Amino acid sequence: MKRIHLLVAAALCITLMPGRASALDVKKLKPNQIRISYQEPTNPVHREVADFLKKKQVLEKFRDLLSVIRLPRPLKLELRGCDGELNAWYDPDEYTVTVCYDLIQKNHDDRPKETTPAGITQEDAFLGPVTEIFLHESGHAVFDLLEVPIFGHEEDAADQFAAYIMLKFNAKEARRLIGGVAYMYGRDAQSARITDLGQYADEHGHPAQRFFTYLCMAYGEDPKNFSDVLDKGWLPKNRAERCEAEYFQVDYAVKKMITPYVDQNLVKRVKQKSWLKGRIRNEK
């Protein structure tokens, strides 16, 4: 029995010993590693959205935004048709973030017919989700390429990464983007009817949880700019009380694990740009 206890103790000590850090070769990390690709839509229904995204240089904007991060190898962002699949993903074998025109089309079609009582315009309801989708999947890519350790669900961490980046835009643009994302998840949460507990087995959080995650991150980072999410009851008070701590938890993780790989000279250029120029057609 004593020998068994000793073996258990030895195994525990080995488990708790600090592991060997996966040291990235900093000399091989370079900024401007983002590549982009607009694939031709396979469904003619997606032509208008595809042309709009290309005309407004959406991928070019994400390329410029993410190029400030030094990476060990190129990362490709691509838009393409997916034969009806409403999806977006990061492929760690191909080092590619793929966003389907099919998913973008759905967000375009789900826009409100007019500005909502919460002040969400058709543009916000389209551009917010598009930005969130790309930044969420790019978060997965950054975690992989920079070997960022993740506690908890990676999908939650990718949501927090996306929210964090959006909140680094100027206050007006951050407000519009977060509002658009909240509209998307709020709409999805209201339409989701849980009849099978297996739906909770998905690696992503329920739309309602993601709705509150984005609002909480926003309120925690800038309670003045997002004061109405509390005043109007969109964010429960007991959750709001913890939002500042939740935001700074993410802020600490980013500064600890990702900021050391960011080219600060490029960041200065990025901050000088306006990201939400251009209008989309207002009809449904």
Protein backbone atom coordinates (compact mmCIF):
# COMPACT_ATOMS: atom_id res chain seq x y z
CA MET A 1 0.00 0.00 0.00
CA LYS A 2 2.85 2.36 0.89
CA ARG A 3 4.43 1.70 -2.52
CA ILE A 4 1.16 2.56 -4.25
CA HIS A 5 0.99 5.87 -2.37
CA LEU A 6 4.56 6.66 -3.42
CA LEU A 7 3.78 5.92 -7.07
CA VAL A 8 0.68 8.13 -6.94
CA ALA A 9 2.68 10.93 -5.33
CA ALA A 10 5.41 10.62 -7.94
CA ALA A 11 2.89 10.73 -10.80
CA LEU A 12 1.23 13.81 -9.27
CA CYS A 13 4.58 15.58 -8.94
CA ILE A 14 5.41 14.86 -12.58
CA THR A 15 1.98 16.16 -13.63
CA LEU A 16 2.36 19.38 -11.66
CA MET A 17 5.95 20.07 -12.71
CA PRO A 18 6.20 23.10 -14.99
CA GLY A 19 6.24 21.91 -18.57
CA ARG A 20 8.80 22.92 -21.08
CA ALA A 21 7.63 26.09 -22.74
CA SER A 22 7.02 25.86 -26.47
CA ALA A 23 9.54 28.52 -27.42
CA LEU A 24 8.69 30.16 -30.71
CA ASP A 25 11.69 31.31 -32.68
CA VAL A 26 11.11 35.06 -32.52
CA LYS A 27 13.46 35.60 -35.46
CA LYS A 28 11.06 33.64 -37.66
CA LEU A 29 8.03 35.66 -36.61
CA LYS A 30 7.10 38.40 -39.06
CA PRO A 31 4.29 40.93 -39.44
CA ASN A 32 2.37 41.27 -42.70
CA GLN A 33 1.77 37.52 -42.92
CA ILE A 34 -1.90 37.72 -43.92
CA ARG A 35 -2.89 36.58 -47.40
CA ILE A 36 -6.38 37.00 -48.86
CA SER A 37 -8.51 35.30 -51.49
CA TYR A 38 -11.93 36.14 -52.93
CA GLN A 39 -13.21 32.94 -54.55
CA GLU A 40 -15.91 33.24 -57.17
CA PRO A 41 -19.33 32.47 -55.66
CA THR A 42 -20.76 29.16 -56.86
CA ASN A 43 -24.34 30.28 -56.18
CA PRO A 44 -25.57 33.23 -58.30
CA VAL A 45 -27.69 34.34 -55.32
CA HIS A 46 -24.46 35.32 -53.56
CA ARG A 47 -23.15 37.49 -56.39
CA GLU A 48 -24.42 40.79 -55.01
CA VAL A 49 -22.99 40.18 -51.53
CA ALA A 50 -19.72 38.88 -52.98
CA ASP A 51 -19.36 41.95 -55.19
CA PHE A 52 -20.11 44.25 -52.26
CA LEU A 53 -17.50 42.60 -50.04
CA LYS A 54 -14.89 42.83 -52.77
CA LYS A 55 -15.77 46.41 -53.72
CA LYS A 56 -15.50 47.51 -50.10
CA GLN A 57 -12.20 45.61 -49.75
CA VAL A 58 -13.41 43.73 -46.69
CA LEU A 59 -10.63 41.14 -46.80
CA GLU A 60 -8.05 43.87 -47.35
CA LYS A 61 -9.26 45.56 -44.16
CA PHE A 62 -8.95 42.36 -42.13
CA ARG A 63 -5.54 41.79 -43.68
CA ASP A 64 -4.36 45.22 -42.55
CA LEU A 65 -5.89 44.76 -39.11
CA LEU A 66 -4.32 41.36 -38.45
CA SER A 67 -1.00 42.03 -40.16
CA VAL A 68 0.24 43.79 -37.01
CA ILE A 69 0.63 40.35 -35.37
CA ARG A 70 3.96 38.66 -36.00
CA LEU A 71 3.33 35.08 -37.11
CA PRO A 72 5.63 32.15 -37.89
CA ARG A 73 4.03 31.55 -41.30
CA PRO A 74 1.43 33.07 -43.63
CA LEU A 75 -2.25 32.89 -42.72
CA LYS A 76 -4.83 33.01 -45.50
CA LEU A 77 -8.28 34.59 -45.22
CA GLU A 78 -10.69 33.45 -47.90
CA LEU A 79 -14.30 33.96 -48.90
CA ARG A 80 -15.96 31.22 -50.93
CA GLY A 81 -19.19 29.42 -51.65
CA CYS A 82 -19.94 26.37 -49.51
CA ASP A 83 -22.91 24.77 -51.31
CA GLY A 84 -25.48 25.88 -48.75
CA GLU A 85 -23.36 25.36 -45.64
CA LEU A 86 -23.74 28.26 -43.19
CA ASN A 87 -20.27 28.05 -41.75
CA ALA A 88 -16.85 29.56 -41.13
CA TRP A 89 -13.75 27.80 -39.79
CA TYR A 90 -10.00 27.79 -39.32
CA ASP A 91 -8.05 24.91 -40.87
CA PRO A 92 -4.85 24.31 -38.83
CA ASP A 93 -3.42 22.08 -41.57
CA GLU A 94 -3.82 24.65 -44.34
CA TYR A 95 -3.42 27.72 -42.10
CA THR A 96 -6.57 29.15 -43.65
CA VAL A 97 -9.62 30.97 -42.31
CA THR A 98 -12.59 30.24 -44.55
CA VAL A 99 -15.85 32.17 -44.41
CA CYS A 100 -18.74 30.99 -46.56
CA TYR A 101 -20.70 33.41 -48.73
CA ASP A 102 -23.69 31.35 -47.61
CA LEU A 103 -23.24 32.51 -44.00
CA ILE A 104 -22.62 36.12 -45.01
CA GLN A 105 -25.77 36.01 -47.17
CA LYS A 106 -27.82 34.80 -44.22
CA ASN A 107 -26.62 37.71 -42.08
CA HIS A 108 -27.43 40.08 -44.94
CA ASP A 109 -30.94 38.66 -45.27
CA ASP A 110 -31.53 38.71 -41.50
CA ARG A 111 -30.96 42.45 -41.19
CA PRO A 112 -33.81 44.46 -39.67
CA LYS A 113 -36.06 46.22 -42.17
CA GLU A 114 -35.38 49.52 -40.43
CA THR A 115 -33.31 50.85 -37.54
CA THR A 116 -34.29 49.01 -34.36
CA PRO A 117 -35.48 50.74 -31.15
CA ALA A 118 -31.99 50.00 -29.78
CA GLY A 119 -30.49 52.06 -32.61
CA ILE A 120 -29.10 49.14 -34.64
CA THR A 121 -29.07 50.10 -38.32
CA GLN A 122 -29.13 47.72 -41.27
CA GLU A 123 -25.43 48.46 -41.78
CA ASP A 124 -24.56 47.66 -38.18
CA ALA A 125 -26.56 44.42 -38.28
CA PHE A 126 -24.54 43.34 -41.33
CA LEU A 127 -21.04 44.69 -40.65
CA GLY A 128 -20.97 43.69 -36.97
CA PRO A 129 -21.54 39.98 -37.62
CA VAL A 130 -19.16 39.95 -40.62
CA THR A 131 -16.44 41.43 -38.42
CA GLU A 132 -17.21 39.03 -35.58
CA ILE A 133 -17.06 35.99 -37.83
CA PHE A 134 -13.66 36.87 -39.26
CA LEU A 135 -12.16 37.90 -35.92
CA HIS A 136 -13.56 34.83 -34.13
CA GLU A 137 -12.01 32.44 -36.65
CA SER A 138 -8.81 34.49 -36.76
CA GLY A 139 -8.68 34.11 -32.99
CA HIS A 140 -8.48 30.34 -33.44
CA ALA A 141 -5.67 30.88 -35.95
CA VAL A 142 -3.71 33.18 -33.63
CA PHE A 143 -4.06 30.73 -30.73
CA ASP A 144 -2.70 27.98 -32.96
CA LEU A 145 0.13 29.88 -34.66
CA LEU A 146 1.37 31.55 -31.46
CA GLU A 147 0.81 28.39 -29.38
CA VAL A 148 -1.42 30.23 -26.92
CA PRO A 149 -2.59 27.90 -24.11
CA ILE A 150 -6.35 27.90 -23.52
CA PHE A 151 -8.17 27.09 -20.30
CA GLY A 152 -11.85 26.35 -20.79
CA HIS A 153 -13.65 26.29 -24.13
CA GLU A 154 -11.64 27.61 -27.07
CA GLU A 155 -14.83 28.88 -28.70
CA ASP A 156 -15.42 31.14 -25.70
CA ALA A 157 -11.83 32.38 -25.92
CA ALA A 158 -12.29 33.11 -29.64
CA ASP A 159 -15.41 35.15 -28.84
CA GLN A 160 -13.46 37.12 -26.25
CA PHE A 161 -10.62 37.67 -28.72
CA ALA A 162 -13.08 39.02 -31.30
CA ALA A 163 -14.80 41.29 -28.79
CA TYR A 164 -11.45 42.57 -27.49
CA ILE A 165 -10.26 43.53 -30.98
CA MET A 166 -13.55 45.25 -31.84
CA LEU A 167 -13.35 47.27 -28.63
CA LYS A 168 -9.94 48.61 -29.74
CA PHE A 169 -11.63 50.49 -32.59
CA ASN A 170 -12.66 54.06 -31.88
CA ALA A 171 -15.64 54.40 -29.54
CA LYS A 172 -18.19 55.07 -32.30
CA GLU A 173 -17.10 52.13 -34.45
CA ALA A 174 -16.84 49.81 -31.43
CA ARG A 175 -20.38 50.78 -30.49
CA ARG A 176 -21.69 49.97 -33.97
CA LEU A 177 -19.84 46.66 -34.26
CA ILE A 178 -20.81 45.35 -30.82
CA GLY A 179 -24.38 46.47 -31.40
CA GLY A 180 -24.52 44.54 -34.67
CA VAL A 181 -23.13 41.40 -33.03
CA ALA A 182 -25.57 41.69 -30.14
CA TYR A 183 -28.43 42.03 -32.63
CA MET A 184 -27.34 38.81 -34.36
CA TYR A 185 -27.02 36.73 -31.20
CA GLY A 186 -30.11 38.26 -29.64
CA ARG A 187 -32.14 37.35 -32.73
CA ASP A 188 -30.69 33.83 -32.79
CA ALA A 189 -31.36 33.37 -29.07
CA GLN A 190 -35.02 34.35 -29.43
CA SER A 191 -35.53 31.97 -32.34
CA ALA A 192 -33.69 29.05 -30.72
CA ARG A 193 -36.10 26.61 -29.14
CA ILE A 194 -34.29 24.04 -27.02
CA THR A 195 -36.20 20.78 -27.34
CA ASP A 196 -33.17 18.50 -27.15
CA LEU A 197 -30.53 18.77 -24.43
CA GLY A 198 -28.02 17.51 -26.98
CA GLN A 199 -28.07 20.99 -28.51
CA TYR A 200 -26.08 22.13 -25.48
CA ALA A 201 -23.32 19.69 -26.42
CA ASP A 202 -22.13 22.01 -29.19
CA GLU A 203 -18.67 23.44 -28.55
CA HIS A 204 -20.06 26.94 -29.09
CA GLY A 205 -22.03 28.68 -26.38
CA HIS A 206 -25.78 29.14 -26.74
CA PRO A 207 -26.57 32.35 -28.71
CA ALA A 208 -27.99 33.89 -25.52
CA GLN A 209 -24.71 33.29 -23.69
CA ARG A 210 -22.73 34.79 -26.55
CA PHE A 211 -25.09 37.79 -26.57
CA PHE A 212 -24.26 38.48 -22.92
CA THR A 213 -20.53 37.79 -23.40
CA TYR A 214 -20.21 40.55 -25.99
CA LEU A 215 -22.32 43.03 -24.03
CA CYS A 216 -20.41 42.28 -20.83
CA MET A 217 -17.02 42.69 -22.51
CA ALA A 218 -18.16 46.01 -23.98
CA TYR A 219 -19.61 47.33 -20.73
CA GLY A 220 -16.54 46.20 -18.80
CA GLU A 221 -14.19 48.01 -21.17
CA ASP A 222 -16.20 51.23 -21.57
CA PRO A 223 -19.18 51.54 -19.17
CA LYS A 224 -19.83 55.10 -20.33
CA ASN A 225 -20.10 54.27 -24.04
CA PHE A 226 -22.24 51.21 -23.31
CA SER A 227 -24.17 52.51 -20.29
CA ASP A 228 -27.52 51.88 -21.96
CA VAL A 229 -27.00 48.10 -22.02
CA LEU A 230 -27.42 48.29 -18.25
CA ASP A 231 -29.90 51.16 -18.10
CA LYS A 232 -32.28 49.44 -20.53
CA GLY A 233 -31.97 46.05 -18.89
CA TRP A 234 -30.19 44.24 -21.73
CA LEU A 235 -27.41 43.24 -19.34
CA PRO A 236 -28.49 41.96 -15.89
CA LYS A 237 -27.11 44.06 -13.04
CA ASN A 238 -25.57 41.08 -11.24
CA ARG A 239 -23.59 40.24 -14.40
CA ALA A 240 -22.67 43.87 -15.06
CA GLU A 241 -21.02 44.11 -11.65
CA ARG A 242 -18.44 41.55 -12.79
CA CYS A 243 -17.91 42.82 -16.33
CA GLU A 244 -14.95 45.07 -15.57
CA ALA A 245 -13.14 42.12 -14.01
CA GLU A 246 -14.10 39.89 -16.95
CA TYR A 247 -12.75 42.41 -19.43
CA PHE A 248 -9.47 42.89 -17.58
CA GLN A 249 -9.02 39.15 -17.32
CA VAL A 250 -9.06 39.00 -21.12
CA ASP A 251 -6.95 42.16 -21.35
CA TYR A 252 -4.29 40.57 -19.13
CA ALA A 253 -4.26 37.36 -21.19
CA VAL A 254 -3.91 39.26 -24.47
CA LYS A 255 -1.10 41.46 -23.15
CA LYS A 256 0.66 38.44 -21.68
CA MET A 257 0.32 36.00 -24.58
CA ILE A 258 -0.28 38.01 -27.78
CA THR A 259 0.84 41.64 -27.42
CA PRO A 260 4.56 40.67 -27.26
CA TYR A 261 4.17 39.51 -30.87
CA VAL A 262 2.46 42.69 -32.08
CA ASP A 263 4.34 45.23 -34.21
CA GLN A 264 3.54 48.49 -32.44
CA ASN A 265 4.63 50.66 -35.39
CA LEU A 266 2.02 48.98 -37.56
CA VAL A 267 -0.57 49.41 -34.81
CA LYS A 268 -0.15 53.19 -35.03
CA ARG A 269 -0.98 53.09 -38.74
CA VAL A 270 -3.99 50.86 -38.19
CA LYS A 271 -5.43 53.18 -35.55
CA GLN A 272 -5.39 56.06 -38.03
CA LYS A 273 -7.83 54.31 -40.35
CA SER A 274 -11.60 54.40 -40.40
CA TRP A 275 -12.98 50.88 -40.82
CA LEU A 276 -16.69 51.35 -41.40
CA LYS A 277 -16.77 53.52 -44.49
CA GLY A 278 -19.29 52.72 -47.18
CA ARG A 279 -22.98 51.94 -47.15
CA ILE A 280 -24.97 48.87 -48.04
CA ARG A 281 -28.30 48.88 -49.79
CA ASN A 282 -31.14 49.59 -47.39
CA GLU A 283 -33.85 47.46 -48.90
CA LYS A 284 -34.45 43.98 -47.49
